[in-house]
Amino acid sequence: MESIKGKTGVLLINLGTPDSPSVSDVRSYLSEFLNDPRVIDIPKLLRLMLVNLIIVPFRAPKSAKVYKELWTDQGSPLLHYSKRASDLLAEELSDEYEVFLAMRYKNPNIRAVMEEMQKKNFQKIIVLTMFPQYASATTGSAYELVMDELKKWWVIPEIKFAGQYYDHPDLIAAIVDRASKYTLTDYDHILFSYHGLPERHVDKVYDDGLCTDRDCEHEITEENKYCYKATCYATTRLIAKKLGLKDADYTVCFQSRLDKKWLEPFSDKVVEQKGKEGAKKLLVFSPAFTADCLETIIEIGDEYQEIFEENGGEKIQLVESLNDHPLWISCLKDLVLKA
């Protein structure tokens, strides 16, 4: 029987960004993002009222001012570095692969990108998110939208979801190399700051009981391997081991919370506490963010710096995200080839 070897499409997905820092574009982005039931997982009517009548109208103008501070000549840093990573990955892969970049929210839009991919008649499609640790609000949401679009296709090729990769050796090596420009002993303490999640999000991972019933801070098991909290701590342990850090040298914390029922400890409160305890210099890693964005550049770099100074500290140093680091591209390539 004659065999036809077709090309493989690679769909690389990041979270998303407003099209511009204008209030209208920020409002549109926040509306799409926060109306996702995997992000705010409360009854639909309540979510619609909360997001569209309270959060977005009040938050959009404030967020637009922050995005204007973030914006560069290349536009959104998250989109810029995601495109760079996508282009570099395409260069590393053979002609048998074609790489496409999409954002879960806004542009390049997943639906539009998948329409383009459908026309290519790929033999196989590999879906790879830029989120090392699984969370329903990030990887899960992206996968769900991809599957919703695939349902509309008459011909559905072989599909492979690459899965989480918080422990990939090249990912860890890239983060460690990012830190090599800093002398760790110059800092009084080190923070590993991950994006926060509501506690109920990690609780839903388990059939029985709560996340707090498990030892997610210290081990990965068959039961908690998809618990975001557990994989954040596991990522930190891997980085800390490579850097030769002791447990007392660092703190795992969670940023960007919306209310008190989110994963603790809260990054801003840890920064405040360290300042009050007399720390003068903090080094901050952000291992959940593979591209620098509002949460790293502004929240950590500016807002936490201000909090630290108000409480007696002097300098918060952000370790840059992976962005277009060669080992990050190597990690993505390996994930594609293994898929």
Protein backbone atom coordinates (compact mmCIF):
# COMPACT_ATOMS: atom_id res chain seq x y z
CA MET A 1 0.00 0.00 0.00
CA GLU A 2 1.31 3.43 -0.94
CA SER A 3 2.17 5.58 2.09
CA ILE A 4 1.78 9.36 2.14
CA LYS A 5 3.81 11.19 4.77
CA GLY A 6 2.15 14.51 5.51
CA LYS A 7 3.45 17.51 7.39
CA THR A 8 2.84 18.16 11.08
CA GLY A 9 1.35 21.41 12.31
CA VAL A 10 2.51 22.79 15.65
CA LEU A 11 0.12 25.10 17.50
CA LEU A 12 1.99 27.11 20.13
CA ILE A 13 -0.34 28.89 22.58
CA ASN A 14 0.24 31.63 25.15
CA LEU A 15 -2.28 33.42 27.35
CA GLY A 16 -2.82 36.66 25.46
CA THR A 17 -2.60 40.43 25.62
CA PRO A 18 -4.68 43.44 24.62
CA ASP A 19 -4.21 44.57 21.00
CA SER A 20 -3.13 47.98 22.32
CA PRO A 21 -3.03 49.79 25.68
CA SER A 22 -6.17 51.77 24.82
CA VAL A 23 -9.06 51.49 27.29
CA SER A 24 -11.33 49.90 24.67
CA ASP A 25 -8.78 47.20 23.75
CA VAL A 26 -7.97 46.48 27.39
CA ARG A 27 -11.69 46.27 28.14
CA SER A 28 -12.18 43.81 25.28
CA TYR A 29 -9.26 41.67 26.48
CA LEU A 30 -10.39 41.61 30.11
CA SER A 31 -13.94 40.78 29.08
CA GLU A 32 -12.84 37.77 27.02
CA PHE A 33 -10.39 36.62 29.68
CA LEU A 34 -12.55 36.99 32.78
CA ASN A 35 -15.73 35.61 31.20
CA ASP A 36 -13.95 32.28 30.66
CA PRO A 37 -15.69 29.83 33.05
CA ARG A 38 -12.34 28.10 33.65
CA VAL A 39 -10.90 31.39 34.92
CA ILE A 40 -13.79 32.55 37.10
CA ASP A 41 -15.53 29.29 37.91
CA ILE A 42 -18.76 30.47 39.47
CA PRO A 43 -22.37 30.14 38.18
CA LYS A 44 -22.74 31.76 34.75
CA LEU A 45 -25.26 34.47 35.64
CA LEU A 46 -23.22 35.52 38.66
CA ARG A 47 -20.02 35.55 36.60
CA LEU A 48 -21.61 37.66 33.84
CA MET A 49 -22.84 40.22 36.36
CA LEU A 50 -19.59 40.30 38.34
CA VAL A 51 -17.30 40.56 35.30
CA ASN A 52 -19.33 42.77 32.98
CA LEU A 53 -20.98 45.09 35.49
CA ILE A 54 -18.29 45.41 38.14
CA ILE A 55 -14.78 44.14 37.35
CA VAL A 56 -14.28 45.15 33.71
CA PRO A 57 -15.87 48.65 33.84
CA PHE A 58 -13.80 49.63 36.88
CA ARG A 59 -10.61 47.74 36.07
CA ALA A 60 -10.20 48.56 32.35
CA PRO A 61 -9.23 52.26 32.73
CA LYS A 62 -6.75 51.46 35.53
CA SER A 63 -5.27 48.51 33.65
CA ALA A 64 -4.95 50.59 30.47
CA LYS A 65 -2.66 53.04 32.32
CA VAL A 66 -0.46 50.13 33.44
CA TYR A 67 -0.37 48.62 29.95
CA LYS A 68 0.82 52.00 28.60
CA GLU A 69 3.80 51.74 30.97
CA LEU A 70 4.42 48.18 29.78
CA TRP A 71 4.14 48.83 26.03
CA THR A 72 7.36 49.06 24.01
CA ASP A 73 8.29 49.92 20.43
CA GLN A 74 7.66 46.22 19.67
CA GLY A 75 4.23 46.39 21.31
CA SER A 76 3.26 43.95 24.04
CA PRO A 77 6.37 42.18 25.48
CA LEU A 78 4.38 38.96 25.90
CA LEU A 79 3.35 38.91 22.25
CA HIS A 80 6.80 40.03 21.07
CA TYR A 81 8.64 37.27 22.93
CA SER A 82 6.02 34.66 22.05
CA LYS A 83 6.51 35.48 18.37
CA ARG A 84 10.29 35.30 18.81
CA ALA A 85 10.00 31.88 20.44
CA SER A 86 7.65 30.68 17.71
CA ASP A 87 9.97 31.88 14.92
CA LEU A 88 13.05 30.37 16.58
CA LEU A 89 11.25 27.06 17.12
CA ALA A 90 10.28 26.99 13.44
CA GLU A 91 13.95 27.52 12.51
CA GLU A 92 15.01 24.63 14.74
CA LEU A 93 12.47 22.16 13.35
CA SER A 94 12.75 20.46 9.96
CA ASP A 95 10.56 21.21 6.94
CA GLU A 96 8.24 18.44 8.09
CA TYR A 97 6.84 20.87 10.67
CA GLU A 98 5.01 24.18 10.40
CA VAL A 99 4.66 26.33 13.53
CA PHE A 100 1.69 28.56 14.30
CA LEU A 101 1.33 30.94 17.25
CA ALA A 102 -2.01 31.71 18.87
CA MET A 103 -3.23 33.43 22.02
CA ARG A 104 -5.98 32.00 24.21
CA TYR A 105 -7.42 35.53 24.50
CA LYS A 106 -7.37 38.13 21.71
CA ASN A 107 -4.88 37.95 18.85
CA PRO A 108 -3.55 35.99 17.06
CA ASN A 109 -6.86 34.31 17.75
CA ILE A 110 -7.00 30.52 18.19
CA ARG A 111 -10.09 30.18 16.00
CA ALA A 112 -8.57 32.15 13.11
CA VAL A 113 -5.23 30.34 13.38
CA MET A 114 -6.94 26.95 13.39
CA GLU A 115 -8.95 27.90 10.32
CA GLU A 116 -5.63 28.55 8.60
CA MET A 117 -4.26 25.22 9.86
CA GLN A 118 -7.34 23.35 8.64
CA LYS A 119 -6.60 24.46 5.08
CA LYS A 120 -3.13 22.93 5.30
CA ASN A 121 -4.57 19.41 5.65
CA PHE A 122 -1.92 18.34 8.16
CA GLN A 123 -1.32 14.67 8.87
CA LYS A 124 -0.89 15.52 12.56
CA ILE A 125 -1.28 18.55 14.84
CA ILE A 126 0.69 19.05 18.06
CA VAL A 127 -0.77 21.49 20.58
CA LEU A 128 1.79 22.97 22.95
CA THR A 129 1.04 25.67 25.51
CA MET A 130 3.65 28.03 26.96
CA PHE A 131 2.57 27.16 30.50
CA PRO A 132 5.04 24.74 32.16
CA GLN A 133 2.69 23.93 35.07
CA TYR A 134 -0.82 22.68 34.32
CA ALA A 135 -3.77 24.74 35.52
CA SER A 136 -7.35 24.48 34.35
CA ALA A 137 -7.43 28.27 33.89
CA THR A 138 -4.47 28.22 31.47
CA THR A 139 -3.59 24.91 29.79
CA GLY A 140 -7.04 23.44 30.40
CA SER A 141 -8.78 26.47 28.92
CA ALA A 142 -6.55 26.47 25.84
CA TYR A 143 -7.10 22.75 25.25
CA GLU A 144 -10.86 23.13 25.64
CA LEU A 145 -11.05 25.88 23.00
CA VAL A 146 -8.89 23.86 20.59
CA MET A 147 -11.20 20.85 21.03
CA ASP A 148 -14.27 23.03 20.52
CA GLU A 149 -12.84 24.17 17.20
CA LEU A 150 -11.78 20.66 16.16
CA LYS A 151 -15.36 19.45 16.63
CA LYS A 152 -16.34 21.63 13.66
CA TRP A 153 -13.84 19.97 11.31
CA TRP A 154 -15.10 17.23 9.02
CA VAL A 155 -11.61 15.72 8.75
CA ILE A 156 -9.85 15.63 12.11
CA PRO A 157 -6.18 14.62 11.86
CA GLU A 158 -4.17 12.95 14.60
CA ILE A 159 -4.00 15.38 17.55
CA LYS A 160 -1.38 15.37 20.28
CA PHE A 161 -1.52 17.60 23.37
CA ALA A 162 2.03 17.96 24.64
CA GLY A 163 1.09 18.29 28.34
CA GLN A 164 2.86 20.00 31.24
CA TYR A 165 6.66 20.12 31.40
CA TYR A 166 7.61 21.93 34.62
CA ASP A 167 10.41 19.40 35.18
CA HIS A 168 11.95 19.45 31.69
CA PRO A 169 15.76 19.62 32.06
CA ASP A 170 16.13 22.35 29.42
CA LEU A 171 13.43 24.48 31.06
CA ILE A 172 15.18 24.26 34.43
CA ALA A 173 18.60 24.85 32.84
CA ALA A 174 17.28 27.95 31.02
CA ILE A 175 15.91 29.45 34.25
CA VAL A 176 19.17 28.70 36.07
CA ASP A 177 21.15 30.30 33.24
CA ARG A 178 18.96 33.41 33.42
CA ALA A 179 20.08 33.74 37.05
CA SER A 180 23.76 33.36 36.20
CA LYS A 181 24.18 37.12 35.67
CA TYR A 182 23.31 37.69 39.34
CA THR A 183 25.49 36.84 42.36
CA LEU A 184 23.04 35.02 44.63
CA THR A 185 24.98 35.82 47.80
CA ASP A 186 24.41 39.54 47.13
CA TYR A 187 20.74 39.05 48.06
CA ASP A 188 19.22 38.66 51.50
CA HIS A 189 16.50 36.32 50.27
CA ILE A 190 15.16 34.78 47.05
CA LEU A 191 11.50 34.59 46.03
CA PHE A 192 9.93 32.20 43.54
CA SER A 193 6.74 34.05 42.65
CA TYR A 194 4.09 32.15 40.67
CA HIS A 195 0.78 33.42 39.35
CA GLY A 196 -1.89 32.81 41.94
CA LEU A 197 -5.05 30.70 41.64
CA PRO A 198 -8.18 30.43 43.79
CA GLU A 199 -7.80 27.62 46.32
CA ARG A 200 -10.91 25.96 44.88
CA HIS A 201 -9.11 25.50 41.54
CA VAL A 202 -6.50 23.20 43.06
CA ASP A 203 -9.09 21.52 45.28
CA LYS A 204 -10.99 20.45 42.15
CA VAL A 205 -8.00 18.36 41.07
CA TYR A 206 -8.85 15.84 43.78
CA ASP A 207 -11.77 13.40 43.93
CA ASP A 208 -11.59 13.44 47.70
CA GLY A 209 -10.72 16.19 50.15
CA LEU A 210 -8.72 19.36 49.63
CA CYS A 211 -5.28 20.34 48.39
CA THR A 212 -4.35 21.23 51.97
CA ASP A 213 -4.90 17.58 52.93
CA ARG A 214 -1.87 16.68 50.79
CA ASP A 215 1.84 17.39 51.13
CA CYS A 216 1.98 19.40 47.89
CA GLU A 217 4.79 21.61 49.20
CA HIS A 218 7.20 18.68 49.39
CA GLU A 219 6.36 15.93 46.90
CA ILE A 220 4.78 15.00 43.58
CA THR A 221 2.57 11.90 43.61
CA GLU A 222 0.19 10.19 41.20
CA GLU A 223 -2.62 12.00 42.98
CA ASN A 224 -1.25 15.56 42.90
CA LYS A 225 0.74 15.53 39.64
CA TYR A 226 -1.79 17.93 38.05
CA CYS A 227 -2.09 20.15 41.12
CA TYR A 228 -0.73 23.57 40.17
CA LYS A 229 0.48 24.23 43.70
CA ALA A 230 2.38 20.93 43.80
CA THR A 231 4.07 21.50 40.43
CA CYS A 232 5.04 25.07 41.36
CA TYR A 233 6.82 23.78 44.46
CA ALA A 234 8.38 20.97 42.41
CA THR A 235 9.67 23.48 39.84
CA THR A 236 11.21 25.49 42.65
CA ARG A 237 12.92 22.46 44.19
CA LEU A 238 14.52 21.61 40.84
CA ILE A 239 15.81 25.16 40.33
CA ALA A 240 16.97 25.48 43.95
CA LYS A 241 18.92 22.21 43.70
CA LYS A 242 20.73 23.41 40.56
CA LEU A 243 21.54 26.73 42.26
CA GLY A 244 22.68 25.07 45.47
CA LEU A 245 20.08 26.85 47.59
CA LYS A 246 19.05 25.74 51.06
CA ASP A 247 15.40 25.77 52.16
CA ALA A 248 16.02 28.85 54.32
CA ASP A 249 17.38 30.79 51.32
CA TYR A 250 14.08 31.09 49.48
CA THR A 251 10.29 31.35 49.68
CA VAL A 252 7.65 30.09 47.24
CA CYS A 253 4.80 32.58 46.92
CA PHE A 254 1.86 33.49 44.68
CA GLN A 255 1.03 36.83 43.08
CA SER A 256 -1.85 38.61 41.30
CA ARG A 257 -4.58 37.47 43.69
CA LEU A 258 -8.13 38.80 43.41
CA ASP A 259 -9.25 37.89 46.94
CA LYS A 260 -8.08 36.24 50.17
CA LYS A 261 -9.11 32.71 49.17
CA TRP A 262 -6.20 32.30 46.78
CA LEU A 263 -3.02 30.28 47.14
CA GLU A 264 -0.75 31.51 49.91
CA PRO A 265 1.66 32.94 50.86
CA PHE A 266 0.92 36.09 48.85
CA SER A 267 3.99 37.50 47.09
CA ASP A 268 3.30 41.13 48.01
CA LYS A 269 2.90 40.21 51.68
CA VAL A 270 6.18 38.26 51.63
CA VAL A 271 7.93 41.29 50.09
CA GLU A 272 6.45 43.52 52.80
CA GLN A 273 7.46 41.08 55.55
CA LYS A 274 11.03 40.73 54.28
CA GLY A 275 11.40 44.51 54.22
CA LYS A 276 10.17 44.79 57.80
CA GLU A 277 12.61 42.05 58.85
CA GLY A 278 15.51 44.12 57.55
CA ALA A 279 16.18 42.59 54.11
CA LYS A 280 17.68 45.13 51.70
CA LYS A 281 17.93 43.15 48.46
CA LEU A 282 15.59 40.48 47.08
CA LEU A 283 16.01 38.36 43.95
CA VAL A 284 12.72 37.26 42.38
CA PHE A 285 12.17 34.39 39.93
CA SER A 286 8.85 34.01 38.07
CA PRO A 287 8.97 30.41 36.74
CA ALA A 288 5.33 30.23 35.63
CA PHE A 289 5.84 33.05 33.11
CA THR A 290 7.83 32.01 30.03
CA ALA A 291 7.60 35.48 28.48
CA ASP A 292 7.96 38.76 30.34
CA CYS A 293 4.63 40.50 30.74
CA LEU A 294 2.61 42.83 32.96
CA GLU A 295 2.92 40.45 35.93
CA THR A 296 6.72 40.33 35.78
CA ILE A 297 7.79 43.74 34.48
CA ILE A 298 5.21 45.90 36.24
CA GLU A 299 3.84 43.90 39.17
CA ILE A 300 7.17 42.50 40.37
CA GLY A 301 9.57 45.06 38.91
CA ASP A 302 7.65 48.22 39.82
CA GLU A 303 4.83 47.54 42.31
CA TYR A 304 6.80 45.17 44.54
CA GLN A 305 9.78 47.50 44.40
CA GLU A 306 7.54 50.24 45.80
CA ILE A 307 6.18 47.96 48.55
CA PHE A 308 9.71 46.87 49.46
CA GLU A 309 10.99 50.45 49.73
CA GLU A 310 7.99 51.47 51.86
CA ASN A 311 8.96 48.76 54.34
CA GLY A 312 12.69 49.48 54.57
CA GLY A 313 14.02 47.49 51.61
CA GLU A 314 16.18 48.84 48.82
CA LYS A 315 16.19 46.70 45.68
CA ILE A 316 14.02 44.00 44.13
CA GLN A 317 15.76 42.35 41.21
CA LEU A 318 13.59 40.42 38.76
CA VAL A 319 15.22 37.46 37.03
CA GLU A 320 14.09 37.87 33.42
CA SER A 321 11.67 35.32 31.97
CA LEU A 322 12.80 32.75 29.40
CA ASN A 323 11.66 34.94 26.48
CA ASP A 324 13.89 33.78 23.57
CA HIS A 325 16.59 31.93 25.55
CA PRO A 326 18.20 29.16 23.41
CA LEU A 327 17.56 26.49 26.06
CA TRP A 328 13.88 27.47 26.19
CA ILE A 329 13.67 26.97 22.43
CA SER A 330 15.49 23.65 22.88
CA CYS A 331 12.86 22.65 25.45
CA LEU A 332 10.01 23.48 23.06
CA LYS A 333 11.73 21.58 20.24
CA ASP A 334 12.16 18.49 22.39
CA LEU A 335 8.50 18.59 23.46
CA VAL A 336 7.43 18.76 19.81
CA LEU A 337 9.70 15.93 18.70
CA LYS A 338 8.61 13.69 21.58
CA ALA A 339 4.98 14.36 20.71
